Every structure is written in structure tokens, then in C-alpha cells.
């Protein structure tokens, strides 16, 4: 059985650093948060990582908009956000926008 990265940290009784704005955005990916902020790993940004960050940024912005406006979808806003990303990220995001 695979144990989540956060559970491993709790098991090892390491202290978790205080939450900051950068840590808050990293916590969306549990593995990234543990590697970067708990274990202190230095992570370089590859093209796939940059694309993932771009996709996460767009989705987070879109979801925040939906929550704020209390809507289930808003394709006009989604399409405008898609205009800010590269071709590879757009290809992935198009699958989300038409669900």
C-alpha cells in the first residue's frame, strides 16, 4: 500500500514549515509541497513542469471565478483564460472546457 507524502512526514515527525503564499500555491500538489518545503529539495523547472504550472494557474483562476460568481460554468471566461497559454497547455485545457 502506498503512503501519501504528507503521512510519511507525519510519521517521521518532521516539522512542517509555516504557510506562506508560495507554499499555499504549492500545497495544491501534495508531492510538490513535501519535496520542496519539507524535504528541502531544489526543483528545476522543465518544460513539462512549466506547462503543468500554466495549466494549474488557469484552472485555479477559472475555479475561483466560478466560486465567486456562483456559476457552474462560464465558457467565455474559460476561453479568455485559454488565450493566455501556450499551444501544449491549450490542448490539455480544451478537454476541461468542454466537459
C-alpha atoms as a PDB file:
ATOM      1  CA  UNK A   1       0.000   0.000   0.000  1.00  0.00           C
ATOM      2  CA  UNK A   2       1.363   3.401  -0.992  1.00  0.00           C
ATOM      3  CA  UNK A   3       1.569   6.024   1.759  1.00  0.00           C
ATOM      4  CA  UNK A   4       0.950   9.682   0.897  1.00  0.00           C
ATOM      5  CA  UNK A   5       3.934  12.032   1.164  1.00  0.00           C
ATOM      6  CA  UNK A   6       2.277  14.056   3.951  1.00  0.00           C
ATOM      7  CA  UNK A   7       1.721  10.892   6.000  1.00  0.00           C
ATOM      8  CA  UNK A   8       5.396   9.971   5.606  1.00  0.00           C
ATOM      9  CA  UNK A   9       6.377  13.354   7.017  1.00  0.00           C
ATOM     10  CA  UNK A  10       3.974  12.991   9.927  1.00  0.00           C
ATOM     11  CA  UNK A  11       5.354   9.517  10.567  1.00  0.00           C
ATOM     12  CA  UNK A  12       8.921  10.835  10.631  1.00  0.00           C
ATOM     13  CA  UNK A  13       7.772  13.643  12.962  1.00  0.00           C
ATOM     14  CA  UNK A  14       9.427  16.390  10.941  1.00  0.00           C
ATOM     15  CA  UNK A  15       8.150  19.874  11.499  1.00  0.00           C
ATOM     16  CA  UNK A  16       6.116  21.407   8.701  1.00  0.00           C
ATOM     17  CA  UNK A  17       7.162  24.974   7.793  1.00  0.00           C
ATOM     18  CA  UNK A  18       4.644  27.794   8.293  1.00  0.00           C
ATOM     19  CA  UNK A  19       2.315  28.520   5.385  1.00  0.00           C
ATOM     20  CA  UNK A  20       3.290  31.360   3.041  1.00  0.00           C
ATOM     21  CA  UNK A  21       1.778  32.438  -0.265  1.00  0.00           C
ATOM     22  CA  UNK A  22       4.225  30.351  -2.292  1.00  0.00           C
ATOM     23  CA  UNK A  23       3.694  27.334  -0.041  1.00  0.00           C
ATOM     24  CA  UNK A  24      -0.058  27.814  -0.331  1.00  0.00           C
ATOM     25  CA  UNK A  25       0.063  27.508  -4.116  1.00  0.00           C
ATOM     26  CA  UNK A  26       2.454  24.540  -3.912  1.00  0.00           C
ATOM     27  CA  UNK A  27       0.196  22.660  -1.489  1.00  0.00           C
ATOM     28  CA  UNK A  28      -2.246  22.004  -4.357  1.00  0.00           C
ATOM     29  CA  UNK A  29       0.175  19.221  -5.276  1.00  0.00           C
ATOM     30  CA  UNK A  30       0.946  17.279  -2.107  1.00  0.00           C
ATOM     31  CA  UNK A  31       4.089  15.684  -3.524  1.00  0.00           C
ATOM     32  CA  UNK A  32       5.480  19.032  -4.704  1.00  0.00           C
ATOM     33  CA  UNK A  33       4.823  20.608  -1.306  1.00  0.00           C
ATOM     34  CA  UNK A  34       6.566  17.834   0.617  1.00  0.00           C
ATOM     35  CA  UNK A  35       9.555  17.656  -1.726  1.00  0.00           C
ATOM     36  CA  UNK A  36      10.060  21.396  -1.938  1.00  0.00           C
ATOM     37  CA  UNK A  37       9.111  22.729   1.500  1.00  0.00           C
ATOM     38  CA  UNK A  38       9.519  19.824   3.895  1.00  0.00           C
ATOM     39  CA  UNK A  39      12.386  17.836   2.431  1.00  0.00           C
ATOM     40  CA  UNK A  40      14.073  20.955   1.029  1.00  0.00           C
ATOM     41  CA  UNK A  41      14.607  19.566  -2.477  1.00  0.00           C
ATOM     42  CA  UNK A  42      15.662  22.103  -5.082  1.00  0.00           C
ATOM     43  CA  UNK A  43      13.500  21.612  -8.140  1.00  0.00           C
ATOM     44  CA  UNK A  44      14.410  22.829 -11.609  1.00  0.00           C
ATOM     45  CA  UNK A  45      11.596  23.758 -13.941  1.00  0.00           C
ATOM     46  CA  UNK A  46      11.397  21.599 -17.039  1.00  0.00           C
ATOM     47  CA  UNK A  47       9.100  22.333 -19.970  1.00  0.00           C
ATOM     48  CA  UNK A  48       6.518  19.780 -18.757  1.00  0.00           C
ATOM     49  CA  UNK A  49       6.649  21.324 -15.271  1.00  0.00           C
ATOM     50  CA  UNK A  50       6.173  24.817 -16.704  1.00  0.00           C
ATOM     51  CA  UNK A  51       3.218  23.556 -18.766  1.00  0.00           C
ATOM     52  CA  UNK A  52       1.706  21.953 -15.652  1.00  0.00           C
ATOM     53  CA  UNK A  53       2.127  25.177 -13.698  1.00  0.00           C
ATOM     54  CA  UNK A  54       0.457  27.078 -16.520  1.00  0.00           C
ATOM     55  CA  UNK A  55      -2.471  24.624 -16.598  1.00  0.00           C
ATOM     56  CA  UNK A  56      -2.886  24.736 -12.815  1.00  0.00           C
ATOM     57  CA  UNK A  57      -2.821  28.554 -12.853  1.00  0.00           C
ATOM     58  CA  UNK A  58      -5.581  28.734 -15.466  1.00  0.00           C
ATOM     59  CA  UNK A  59      -7.739  26.123 -13.732  1.00  0.00           C
ATOM     60  CA  UNK A  60      -7.307  27.793 -10.326  1.00  0.00           C
ATOM     61  CA  UNK A  61      -8.232  31.189 -11.765  1.00  0.00           C
ATOM     62  CA  UNK A  62     -11.259  29.718 -13.534  1.00  0.00           C
ATOM     63  CA  UNK A  63     -12.484  27.822 -10.464  1.00  0.00           C
ATOM     64  CA  UNK A  64     -12.033  30.922  -8.283  1.00  0.00           C
ATOM     65  CA  UNK A  65     -14.154  32.842 -10.813  1.00  0.00           C
ATOM     66  CA  UNK A  66     -16.888  30.183 -10.764  1.00  0.00           C
ATOM     67  CA  UNK A  67     -16.999  30.141  -6.966  1.00  0.00           C
ATOM     68  CA  UNK A  68     -17.048  33.941  -6.774  1.00  0.00           C
ATOM     69  CA  UNK A  69     -19.868  34.222  -9.329  1.00  0.00           C
ATOM     70  CA  UNK A  70     -21.705  31.095  -8.090  1.00  0.00           C
ATOM     71  CA  UNK A  71     -21.826  29.594 -11.581  1.00  0.00           C
ATOM     72  CA  UNK A  72     -21.317  26.021 -12.753  1.00  0.00           C
ATOM     73  CA  UNK A  73     -19.616  27.082 -15.995  1.00  0.00           C
ATOM     74  CA  UNK A  74     -18.584  30.227 -17.796  1.00  0.00           C
ATOM     75  CA  UNK A  75     -17.081  29.283 -21.132  1.00  0.00           C
ATOM     76  CA  UNK A  76     -16.494  32.897 -22.139  1.00  0.00           C
ATOM     77  CA  UNK A  77     -14.130  33.399 -19.209  1.00  0.00           C
ATOM     78  CA  UNK A  78     -12.562  29.986 -19.750  1.00  0.00           C
ATOM     79  CA  UNK A  79     -11.902  30.797 -23.402  1.00  0.00           C
ATOM     80  CA  UNK A  80     -10.332  34.138 -22.468  1.00  0.00           C
ATOM     81  CA  UNK A  81      -8.033  32.394 -19.982  1.00  0.00           C
ATOM     82  CA  UNK A  82      -7.077  29.871 -22.667  1.00  0.00           C
ATOM     83  CA  UNK A  83      -5.803  32.754 -24.777  1.00  0.00           C
ATOM     84  CA  UNK A  84      -3.026  33.321 -22.233  1.00  0.00           C
ATOM     85  CA  UNK A  85      -1.397  29.864 -22.512  1.00  0.00           C
ATOM     86  CA  UNK A  86       0.873  28.071 -24.939  1.00  0.00           C
ATOM     87  CA  UNK A  87      -0.288  25.519 -27.512  1.00  0.00           C
ATOM     88  CA  UNK A  88       0.507  22.412 -25.429  1.00  0.00           C
ATOM     89  CA  UNK A  89      -1.294  23.732 -22.356  1.00  0.00           C
ATOM     90  CA  UNK A  90      -4.228  24.803 -24.531  1.00  0.00           C
ATOM     91  CA  UNK A  91      -4.530  21.253 -25.884  1.00  0.00           C
ATOM     92  CA  UNK A  92      -4.882  19.890 -22.342  1.00  0.00           C
ATOM     93  CA  UNK A  93      -7.217  22.667 -21.163  1.00  0.00           C
ATOM     94  CA  UNK A  94      -9.577  22.226 -24.119  1.00  0.00           C
ATOM     95  CA  UNK A  95     -10.577  18.891 -22.594  1.00  0.00           C
ATOM     96  CA  UNK A  96     -11.640  20.651 -19.377  1.00  0.00           C
ATOM     97  CA  UNK A  97     -13.572  23.423 -21.063  1.00  0.00           C
ATOM     98  CA  UNK A  98     -15.965  21.167 -22.919  1.00  0.00           C
ATOM     99  CA  UNK A  99     -16.893  18.797 -20.070  1.00  0.00           C
END
